[in-house]
Amino acid sequence: RGDVASLRRRFCTAMSGLLQACAACAGLYFTAVLVVVLPNFTRLFALRFGRAHRVAGVVHLSVLLLGMVDLSVRLLPWLLPLVTTPPLDIRNYSIYGLKLNAFAVYDLVLGVSGILLTYTAATDFGIPKARLRNAASGALDANQTVTREEITEHLFYQILNVSQVVYLRYVYVVGEVFGTKGVVAALLATSSVWLARSIFPTNRFSDNYNRRVLASRLSTSERHGNGTTNATSADLRAFTSFLYRLKKYQYVFLKHVLQHGLNIGVAMESVLRLTLTDSEIANAPAPLVDCVQFRLYWLCVNAAFVFEFFMQTLVKKRMLKQRTMLGANVFLMLTSSMAVFFVLKQTHFPASIVSLALNFLKPGRELRNVLVALAVAVTLESTSVGTEGWPVGTIAALLLCAAPATAVEKRARALGVRARRRI
């Protein structure tokens, strides 16, 4: 027992150190961004052209910085010795029966500002792909330009982020009011955002590292007299191709583990709470979204979603070198990867694996994948089936719903493609 307790203490100490190191890395990244942005603030945010996007950029950057300051006070008190109280108060307030705290408001503001930032980028600065001769995506290549289609696709994932964080915060409340059926309905509601995926453009990661695709685009660019493509060295192009391949794997992990797997894991925990007594609930850990570990993860994810594009803008305006931008992207990717460790314990790994396997068999069926993955999770949690948690027949009901969900997704996909052609 003593050895187990000693190992547990060492593990907790190591994780605490990793958490502080991750927060310090995030703080270092934001500091580096400010070092570049502040001297060039007027050029970046005060010009008339594209004013809506510039204002949205200032707002979103300020919201991200507020979150970083709050985390610094909580995790790195030596960094800001004069600030003793975190800016975001976690006390709960009830407004028309809805429980709110500063984190809930912050997540909503962060999500909405991210959506507005992306939308205004598409409307104010987005250039259609047909008018460009890109040899690769514009996000990491200095001599390419981010297309309107890339920005619009990014808008979908900003909406998905808002949907997920609202679900993670209030699925417990829904469970308390409506029981198991409410939890399942909340999970399906947040997963139903994927029904709108076909409305948004799709840009393949593989197009940025597939040699045949790149060679074809390069020859097309040269035929149309676009000589800027040759300015990127072979070494840098090979490195950016590697980064795009890495980003693809990150995206797959994010989708199936940190979205579907995490959503199902939280749903399982929400149903489990229904079987607890009042005293056990009072002593239960705080909801995931209010834990400082999740706050750090969520800040890193939201920063990664926007700074990749912002860094390219700094390169275009010659405020940052290409190599520095790529290094900063790698640094942020590593920081985000460290932050993921603190969320993994809430994910349901078997459900994530099922979702990933089904996606390889037939992509674009996210609602069906979630239903089947949830059925697998409930099967593995067989000890609670037939109790106050999962009612008898839940597994069969979930599997029976998979076929209608597939039909709905096919129809939604067709309508989305038709709508995108009209836009």
Protein backbone atom coordinates (compact mmCIF):
# COMPACT_ATOMS: atom_id res chain seq x y z
CA ARG A 1 0.00 0.00 0.00
CA GLY A 2 2.86 2.34 0.83
CA ASP A 3 4.42 1.80 -2.59
CA VAL A 4 1.10 2.50 -4.31
CA ALA A 5 0.59 5.68 -2.30
CA SER A 6 4.14 6.78 -3.08
CA LEU A 7 3.67 6.17 -6.80
CA ARG A 8 0.39 8.06 -6.69
CA ARG A 9 2.05 11.05 -5.03
CA ARG A 10 4.85 11.02 -7.59
CA PHE A 11 2.36 10.84 -10.43
CA CYS A 12 0.34 13.76 -9.04
CA THR A 13 3.53 15.79 -8.60
CA ALA A 14 4.62 15.03 -12.16
CA MET A 15 1.21 15.96 -13.59
CA SER A 16 1.18 19.18 -11.58
CA GLY A 17 4.59 20.05 -12.95
CA LEU A 18 3.46 19.23 -16.49
CA LEU A 19 0.40 21.43 -16.03
CA GLN A 20 2.53 24.37 -14.91
CA ALA A 21 5.01 23.78 -17.72
CA CYS A 22 2.18 23.75 -20.26
CA ALA A 23 0.78 26.99 -18.83
CA ALA A 24 4.25 28.56 -18.95
CA CYS A 25 4.64 27.52 -22.61
CA ALA A 26 1.25 29.01 -23.45
CA GLY A 27 2.19 32.22 -21.66
CA LEU A 28 5.50 32.35 -23.54
CA TYR A 29 3.67 31.93 -26.85
CA PHE A 30 1.22 34.75 -26.09
CA THR A 31 4.10 36.97 -24.95
CA ALA A 32 5.91 36.36 -28.25
CA VAL A 33 2.73 37.26 -30.15
CA LEU A 34 2.39 40.52 -28.22
CA VAL A 35 6.04 41.40 -28.87
CA VAL A 36 5.29 41.32 -32.59
CA VAL A 37 1.77 42.76 -32.50
CA LEU A 38 2.08 45.74 -30.16
CA PRO A 39 4.69 47.71 -32.18
CA ASN A 40 2.60 47.12 -35.32
CA PHE A 41 -0.83 47.56 -33.72
CA THR A 42 -1.84 50.49 -35.97
CA ARG A 43 -0.89 48.72 -39.19
CA LEU A 44 -2.71 45.57 -38.15
CA PHE A 45 -5.90 46.85 -36.55
CA ALA A 46 -6.43 50.57 -37.24
CA LEU A 47 -6.77 50.70 -41.03
CA ARG A 48 -10.18 51.28 -42.62
CA PHE A 49 -10.09 48.43 -45.11
CA GLY A 50 -11.53 45.31 -43.53
CA ARG A 51 -12.38 47.18 -40.35
CA ALA A 52 -14.95 44.62 -39.19
CA HIS A 53 -12.34 41.86 -39.25
CA ARG A 54 -9.73 44.05 -37.57
CA VAL A 55 -12.11 44.91 -34.73
CA ALA A 56 -13.08 41.24 -34.40
CA GLY A 57 -9.37 40.39 -34.25
CA VAL A 58 -8.73 42.83 -31.40
CA VAL A 59 -11.72 41.49 -29.48
CA HIS A 60 -10.76 37.83 -29.94
CA LEU A 61 -7.12 38.44 -29.06
CA SER A 62 -8.22 40.31 -25.92
CA VAL A 63 -10.50 37.44 -24.88
CA LEU A 64 -7.67 34.93 -25.36
CA LEU A 65 -5.31 37.11 -23.34
CA LEU A 66 -7.87 37.38 -20.54
CA GLY A 67 -8.02 33.60 -20.37
CA MET A 68 -4.22 33.41 -20.30
CA VAL A 69 -4.01 35.94 -17.46
CA ASP A 70 -6.59 33.98 -15.46
CA LEU A 71 -4.64 30.75 -15.91
CA SER A 72 -1.38 32.47 -15.02
CA VAL A 73 -2.81 33.70 -11.72
CA ARG A 74 -4.12 30.22 -10.89
CA LEU A 75 -1.13 28.15 -12.02
CA LEU A 76 1.84 30.55 -12.11
CA PRO A 77 1.33 33.04 -9.26
CA TRP A 78 5.01 34.02 -9.38
CA LEU A 79 4.52 35.32 -12.92
CA LEU A 80 2.00 38.01 -11.91
CA PRO A 81 2.74 38.70 -8.22
CA LEU A 82 0.64 41.89 -8.15
CA VAL A 83 -2.50 40.07 -9.34
CA THR A 84 -3.75 37.86 -6.50
CA THR A 85 -7.35 37.29 -7.61
CA PRO A 86 -8.12 35.47 -10.89
CA PRO A 87 -10.16 37.68 -13.28
CA LEU A 88 -12.72 34.94 -13.88
CA ASP A 89 -14.85 34.20 -10.82
CA ILE A 90 -16.09 30.60 -10.70
CA ARG A 91 -18.97 31.24 -8.30
CA ASN A 92 -22.28 30.10 -9.73
CA TYR A 93 -25.15 32.51 -10.35
CA SER A 94 -28.68 31.58 -11.35
CA ILE A 95 -30.34 33.64 -14.08
CA TYR A 96 -33.88 32.50 -14.88
CA GLY A 97 -32.97 29.07 -13.50
CA LEU A 98 -29.85 28.78 -15.68
CA LYS A 99 -26.62 28.27 -13.76
CA LEU A 100 -23.88 30.62 -14.93
CA ASN A 101 -20.41 31.52 -13.79
CA ALA A 102 -17.61 33.57 -15.29
CA PHE A 103 -16.23 30.54 -17.12
CA ALA A 104 -19.58 29.92 -18.79
CA VAL A 105 -19.81 33.53 -19.97
CA TYR A 106 -16.17 33.49 -21.02
CA ASP A 107 -16.60 30.33 -23.12
CA LEU A 108 -19.62 31.82 -24.84
CA VAL A 109 -17.85 35.10 -25.59
CA LEU A 110 -14.75 33.25 -26.78
CA GLY A 111 -16.80 31.06 -29.09
CA VAL A 112 -18.90 33.88 -30.53
CA SER A 113 -15.87 36.12 -31.05
CA GLY A 114 -14.12 33.24 -32.83
CA ILE A 115 -17.11 32.78 -35.14
CA LEU A 116 -17.28 36.52 -35.90
CA LEU A 117 -13.52 36.65 -36.48
CA THR A 118 -13.67 33.82 -39.00
CA TYR A 119 -16.80 35.13 -40.72
CA THR A 120 -15.38 38.64 -41.14
CA ALA A 121 -12.11 37.17 -42.43
CA ALA A 122 -14.06 35.40 -45.18
CA THR A 123 -16.16 38.45 -46.08
CA ASP A 124 -13.46 41.14 -45.79
CA PHE A 125 -10.34 39.36 -46.99
CA GLY A 126 -11.37 36.02 -48.47
CA ILE A 127 -10.34 35.44 -52.09
CA PRO A 128 -12.10 32.61 -53.99
CA LYS A 129 -9.90 29.64 -54.81
CA ALA A 130 -10.67 30.03 -58.53
CA ARG A 131 -8.85 33.39 -58.56
CA LEU A 132 -5.69 31.96 -57.01
CA ARG A 133 -3.04 29.59 -58.31
CA ASN A 134 -1.92 28.12 -55.04
CA ALA A 135 0.53 25.24 -55.05
CA ALA A 136 -0.54 24.44 -51.49
CA SER A 137 -2.73 25.72 -48.71
CA GLY A 138 -2.11 29.30 -47.71
CA ALA A 139 -1.84 28.81 -43.95
CA LEU A 140 1.78 27.65 -43.73
CA ASP A 141 3.29 28.62 -47.10
CA ALA A 142 4.69 32.14 -47.29
CA ASN A 143 4.05 32.45 -51.04
CA GLN A 144 0.50 31.16 -51.00
CA THR A 145 -2.73 32.83 -49.94
CA VAL A 146 -5.46 31.54 -47.69
CA THR A 147 -8.58 31.11 -49.81
CA ARG A 148 -12.13 32.04 -48.91
CA GLU A 149 -13.02 28.35 -49.00
CA GLU A 150 -10.38 27.54 -46.37
CA ILE A 151 -11.65 30.29 -44.09
CA THR A 152 -15.28 29.24 -44.57
CA GLU A 153 -14.43 25.64 -43.73
CA HIS A 154 -12.74 26.89 -40.58
CA LEU A 155 -16.00 28.65 -39.65
CA PHE A 156 -17.72 25.28 -39.28
CA TYR A 157 -15.22 24.12 -36.69
CA GLN A 158 -15.62 27.34 -34.72
CA ILE A 159 -19.36 26.63 -34.56
CA LEU A 160 -18.59 23.04 -33.54
CA ASN A 161 -16.41 24.32 -30.69
CA VAL A 162 -19.23 26.43 -29.29
CA SER A 163 -21.64 23.51 -29.54
CA GLN A 164 -19.26 21.20 -27.69
CA VAL A 165 -18.42 23.54 -24.82
CA VAL A 166 -22.12 24.29 -24.22
CA TYR A 167 -22.81 20.55 -24.19
CA LEU A 168 -19.95 19.82 -21.79
CA ARG A 169 -21.19 22.46 -19.39
CA TYR A 170 -24.91 21.73 -19.33
CA VAL A 171 -25.26 18.01 -20.03
CA TYR A 172 -25.14 17.40 -16.26
CA VAL A 173 -28.04 19.82 -15.75
CA VAL A 174 -30.00 18.20 -18.58
CA GLY A 175 -29.43 14.81 -16.96
CA GLU A 176 -30.72 16.01 -13.61
CA VAL A 177 -33.91 17.35 -15.19
CA PHE A 178 -34.67 14.82 -17.94
CA GLY A 179 -32.69 11.77 -16.89
CA THR A 180 -30.90 9.38 -19.23
CA LYS A 181 -33.03 10.31 -22.23
CA GLY A 182 -32.07 13.95 -21.79
CA VAL A 183 -28.36 13.06 -21.73
CA VAL A 184 -28.66 11.04 -24.94
CA ALA A 185 -30.68 13.82 -26.57
CA ALA A 186 -28.03 16.40 -25.58
CA LEU A 187 -25.26 14.21 -27.02
CA LEU A 188 -27.14 13.75 -30.29
CA ALA A 189 -27.95 17.45 -30.46
CA THR A 190 -24.30 18.50 -30.26
CA SER A 191 -23.34 15.74 -32.73
CA SER A 192 -26.06 16.91 -35.13
CA VAL A 193 -23.97 19.98 -35.93
CA TRP A 194 -22.13 17.63 -38.30
CA LEU A 195 -25.28 17.47 -40.44
CA ALA A 196 -24.36 20.95 -41.68
CA ARG A 197 -20.82 19.95 -42.63
CA SER A 198 -21.55 19.60 -46.36
CA ILE A 199 -22.69 23.24 -46.51
CA PHE A 200 -19.09 24.27 -45.91
CA PRO A 201 -16.21 23.65 -48.33
CA THR A 202 -13.79 20.77 -47.78
CA ASN A 203 -10.03 21.21 -48.14
CA ARG A 204 -8.01 18.02 -47.87
CA PHE A 205 -4.90 17.98 -45.71
CA SER A 206 -3.38 15.41 -48.06
CA ASP A 207 -3.38 17.92 -50.92
CA ASN A 208 -0.63 19.76 -49.07
CA TYR A 209 1.78 16.82 -48.85
CA ASN A 210 0.71 14.56 -51.72
CA ARG A 211 3.53 14.81 -54.27
CA ARG A 212 1.33 14.29 -57.31
CA VAL A 213 -1.14 16.97 -56.23
CA LEU A 214 1.63 19.42 -55.39
CA ALA A 215 3.42 18.74 -58.70
CA SER A 216 0.19 19.30 -60.61
CA ARG A 217 -0.49 22.57 -58.79
CA LEU A 218 3.07 23.76 -59.26
CA SER A 219 2.93 23.16 -63.03
CA THR A 220 -0.45 24.92 -63.20
CA SER A 221 0.96 27.86 -61.29
CA GLU A 222 3.93 28.14 -63.65
CA ARG A 223 1.70 27.91 -66.73
CA HIS A 224 -0.28 30.90 -65.48
CA GLY A 225 2.84 32.91 -64.85
CA ASN A 226 2.77 32.74 -61.06
CA GLY A 227 6.45 32.80 -60.27
CA THR A 228 6.06 33.33 -56.54
CA THR A 229 5.70 29.62 -55.99
CA ASN A 230 9.37 28.99 -56.74
CA ALA A 231 10.47 31.32 -53.95
CA THR A 232 9.79 28.70 -51.32
CA SER A 233 12.87 26.55 -50.79
CA ALA A 234 12.69 22.79 -51.12
CA ASP A 235 13.61 22.37 -47.46
CA LEU A 236 10.82 24.65 -46.26
CA ARG A 237 8.31 22.98 -48.56
CA ALA A 238 9.29 19.57 -47.23
CA PHE A 239 8.94 20.84 -43.67
CA THR A 240 5.51 22.40 -44.30
CA SER A 241 4.40 19.16 -45.97
CA PHE A 242 5.44 17.32 -42.81
CA LEU A 243 3.49 19.82 -40.70
CA TYR A 244 0.37 19.35 -42.79
CA ARG A 245 0.66 15.58 -42.43
CA LEU A 246 1.02 16.04 -38.68
CA LYS A 247 -1.97 18.39 -38.61
CA LYS A 248 -4.05 15.75 -40.36
CA TYR A 249 -3.28 13.24 -37.60
CA GLN A 250 -4.05 15.92 -35.02
CA TYR A 251 -7.39 16.57 -36.71
CA VAL A 252 -8.30 12.85 -36.68
CA PHE A 253 -7.37 12.65 -33.00
CA LEU A 254 -9.33 15.82 -32.21
CA LYS A 255 -12.43 14.61 -34.02
CA HIS A 256 -12.67 11.07 -32.70
CA VAL A 257 -11.04 11.32 -29.27
CA LEU A 258 -11.44 14.90 -28.09
CA GLN A 259 -14.88 15.43 -29.61
CA HIS A 260 -16.80 12.18 -30.00
CA GLY A 261 -14.83 10.30 -27.34
CA LEU A 262 -14.94 13.16 -24.85
CA ASN A 263 -18.64 13.85 -25.47
CA ILE A 264 -19.51 10.18 -24.90
CA GLY A 265 -17.28 9.99 -21.84
CA VAL A 266 -19.01 12.98 -20.27
CA ALA A 267 -22.41 11.51 -21.18
CA MET A 268 -21.48 8.28 -19.39
CA GLU A 269 -20.41 10.25 -16.33
CA SER A 270 -23.63 12.29 -16.41
CA VAL A 271 -25.73 9.13 -16.33
CA LEU A 272 -23.55 7.69 -13.58
CA ARG A 273 -24.26 10.77 -11.45
CA LEU A 274 -27.96 9.93 -11.61
CA THR A 275 -27.26 6.86 -9.48
CA LEU A 276 -25.42 8.80 -6.76
CA THR A 277 -26.89 10.06 -3.52
CA ASP A 278 -27.00 13.76 -2.67
CA SER A 279 -24.01 13.44 -0.35
CA GLU A 280 -22.01 11.60 -3.01
CA ILE A 281 -22.83 14.29 -5.59
CA ALA A 282 -21.78 17.00 -3.13
CA ASN A 283 -18.39 15.30 -2.75
CA ALA A 284 -18.00 14.57 -6.46
CA PRO A 285 -15.34 16.43 -8.49
CA ALA A 286 -16.24 19.72 -10.14
CA PRO A 287 -17.58 19.56 -13.71
CA LEU A 288 -14.87 19.15 -16.32
CA VAL A 289 -15.37 22.60 -17.86
CA ASP A 290 -14.63 24.33 -14.54
CA CYS A 291 -11.37 22.43 -13.91
CA VAL A 292 -8.21 24.42 -14.49
CA GLN A 293 -6.84 21.56 -16.62
CA PHE A 294 -9.72 21.90 -19.08
CA ARG A 295 -9.40 25.68 -19.05
CA LEU A 296 -5.80 25.36 -20.23
CA TYR A 297 -6.69 22.79 -22.88
CA TRP A 298 -9.60 24.86 -24.20
CA LEU A 299 -7.49 28.02 -24.38
CA CYS A 300 -4.75 26.22 -26.32
CA VAL A 301 -7.24 24.69 -28.76
CA ASN A 302 -8.93 28.01 -29.47
CA ALA A 303 -5.58 29.75 -29.87
CA ALA A 304 -4.40 27.08 -32.32
CA PHE A 305 -7.58 27.52 -34.36
CA VAL A 306 -6.85 31.17 -35.18
CA PHE A 307 -3.15 31.87 -34.75
CA GLU A 308 -2.14 29.67 -37.65
CA PHE A 309 -3.88 32.13 -39.97
CA PHE A 310 -2.83 35.20 -38.03
CA MET A 311 0.83 34.19 -38.14
CA GLN A 312 0.63 33.92 -41.91
CA THR A 313 -0.70 37.48 -42.01
CA LEU A 314 2.34 38.63 -40.03
CA VAL A 315 4.60 36.89 -42.56
CA LYS A 316 2.77 38.52 -45.46
CA LYS A 317 3.23 41.94 -43.86
CA ARG A 318 6.92 41.17 -43.24
CA MET A 319 6.52 41.46 -39.49
CA LEU A 320 7.64 37.87 -39.04
CA LYS A 321 9.99 35.56 -40.90
CA GLN A 322 8.68 32.37 -42.46
CA ARG A 323 10.98 30.14 -40.43
CA THR A 324 9.96 31.90 -37.22
CA MET A 325 6.30 31.43 -38.09
CA LEU A 326 6.78 27.71 -38.70
CA GLY A 327 8.70 27.40 -35.43
CA ALA A 328 5.91 29.20 -33.58
CA ASN A 329 3.35 26.84 -35.12
CA VAL A 330 5.34 23.82 -33.98
CA PHE A 331 5.66 25.31 -30.49
CA LEU A 332 1.91 25.89 -30.25
CA MET A 333 1.19 22.38 -31.55
CA LEU A 334 3.45 20.91 -28.85
CA THR A 335 1.85 23.06 -26.16
CA SER A 336 -1.64 22.02 -27.25
CA SER A 337 -0.55 18.39 -27.28
CA MET A 338 0.68 18.69 -23.68
CA ALA A 339 -2.64 20.22 -22.64
CA VAL A 340 -4.51 17.25 -24.13
CA PHE A 341 -3.13 14.90 -21.44
CA PHE A 342 -5.33 16.50 -18.80
CA VAL A 343 -8.54 15.87 -20.73
CA LEU A 344 -7.88 12.29 -21.83
CA LYS A 345 -9.06 10.79 -18.53
CA GLN A 346 -12.58 12.00 -19.34
CA THR A 347 -12.67 10.49 -22.81
CA HIS A 348 -14.13 7.08 -23.55
CA PHE A 349 -11.36 5.38 -25.54
CA PRO A 350 -13.34 2.32 -26.77
CA ALA A 351 -15.99 4.70 -28.14
CA SER A 352 -13.27 6.76 -29.82
CA ILE A 353 -11.83 3.65 -31.48
CA VAL A 354 -15.28 2.59 -32.71
CA SER A 355 -15.91 6.07 -34.13
CA LEU A 356 -12.53 6.05 -35.89
CA ALA A 357 -13.07 2.57 -37.34
CA LEU A 358 -16.54 3.44 -38.63
CA ASN A 359 -15.18 6.64 -40.16
CA PHE A 360 -12.62 4.64 -42.15
CA LEU A 361 -15.36 2.32 -43.38
CA LYS A 362 -17.70 5.14 -44.42
CA PRO A 363 -16.76 8.77 -43.73
CA GLY A 364 -19.32 11.51 -43.28
CA ARG A 365 -21.63 9.53 -40.96
CA GLU A 366 -20.85 11.23 -37.67
CA LEU A 367 -24.33 10.90 -36.15
CA ARG A 368 -24.44 7.18 -36.89
CA ASN A 369 -20.90 6.76 -35.55
CA VAL A 370 -21.82 8.45 -32.27
CA LEU A 371 -24.90 6.26 -31.84
CA VAL A 372 -22.95 3.04 -32.41
CA ALA A 373 -20.03 4.23 -30.26
CA LEU A 374 -22.42 5.11 -27.44
CA ALA A 375 -24.04 1.68 -27.71
CA VAL A 376 -20.59 0.10 -27.35
CA ALA A 377 -19.83 2.31 -24.34
CA VAL A 378 -23.10 1.33 -22.65
CA THR A 379 -22.41 -2.35 -23.39
CA LEU A 380 -19.02 -2.10 -21.70
CA GLU A 381 -20.73 -0.36 -18.77
CA SER A 382 -23.06 -3.32 -18.40
CA THR A 383 -23.07 -3.15 -14.61
CA SER A 384 -25.24 -0.02 -14.71
CA VAL A 385 -27.69 -1.24 -17.36
CA GLY A 386 -31.09 -1.90 -15.85
CA THR A 387 -30.44 0.37 -12.88
CA GLU A 388 -31.35 4.01 -12.40
CA GLY A 389 -28.67 4.74 -14.99
CA TRP A 390 -29.10 3.09 -18.39
CA PRO A 391 -32.54 1.48 -18.79
CA VAL A 392 -32.91 -2.00 -20.24
CA GLY A 393 -33.20 -1.82 -24.02
CA THR A 394 -30.93 1.22 -24.37
CA ILE A 395 -28.34 -0.62 -26.46
CA ALA A 396 -30.94 -2.01 -28.87
CA ALA A 397 -32.62 1.40 -29.20
CA LEU A 398 -29.32 3.11 -30.02
CA LEU A 399 -28.42 0.53 -32.68
CA LEU A 400 -31.90 0.68 -34.21
CA CYS A 401 -31.55 4.47 -34.52
CA ALA A 402 -28.31 4.10 -36.49
CA ALA A 403 -30.09 3.27 -39.77
CA PRO A 404 -32.48 6.28 -39.69
CA ALA A 405 -29.54 8.49 -38.69
CA THR A 406 -27.64 7.32 -41.77
CA ALA A 407 -30.62 8.18 -43.99
CA VAL A 408 -30.88 11.63 -42.38
CA GLU A 409 -27.16 12.25 -42.94
CA LYS A 410 -27.39 11.25 -46.61
CA ARG A 411 -30.26 13.67 -47.11
CA ALA A 412 -28.52 16.44 -45.19
CA ARG A 413 -25.37 15.93 -47.24
CA ALA A 414 -27.29 16.26 -50.52
CA LEU A 415 -29.08 19.40 -49.32
CA GLY A 416 -25.80 20.87 -48.08
CA VAL A 417 -24.02 20.33 -51.39
CA ARG A 418 -26.95 21.91 -53.22
CA ALA A 419 -26.96 24.89 -50.86
CA ARG A 420 -23.19 25.39 -51.23
CA ARG A 421 -23.51 25.51 -55.02
CA ARG A 422 -26.09 28.29 -54.72
CA ILE A 423 -23.99 30.41 -52.38
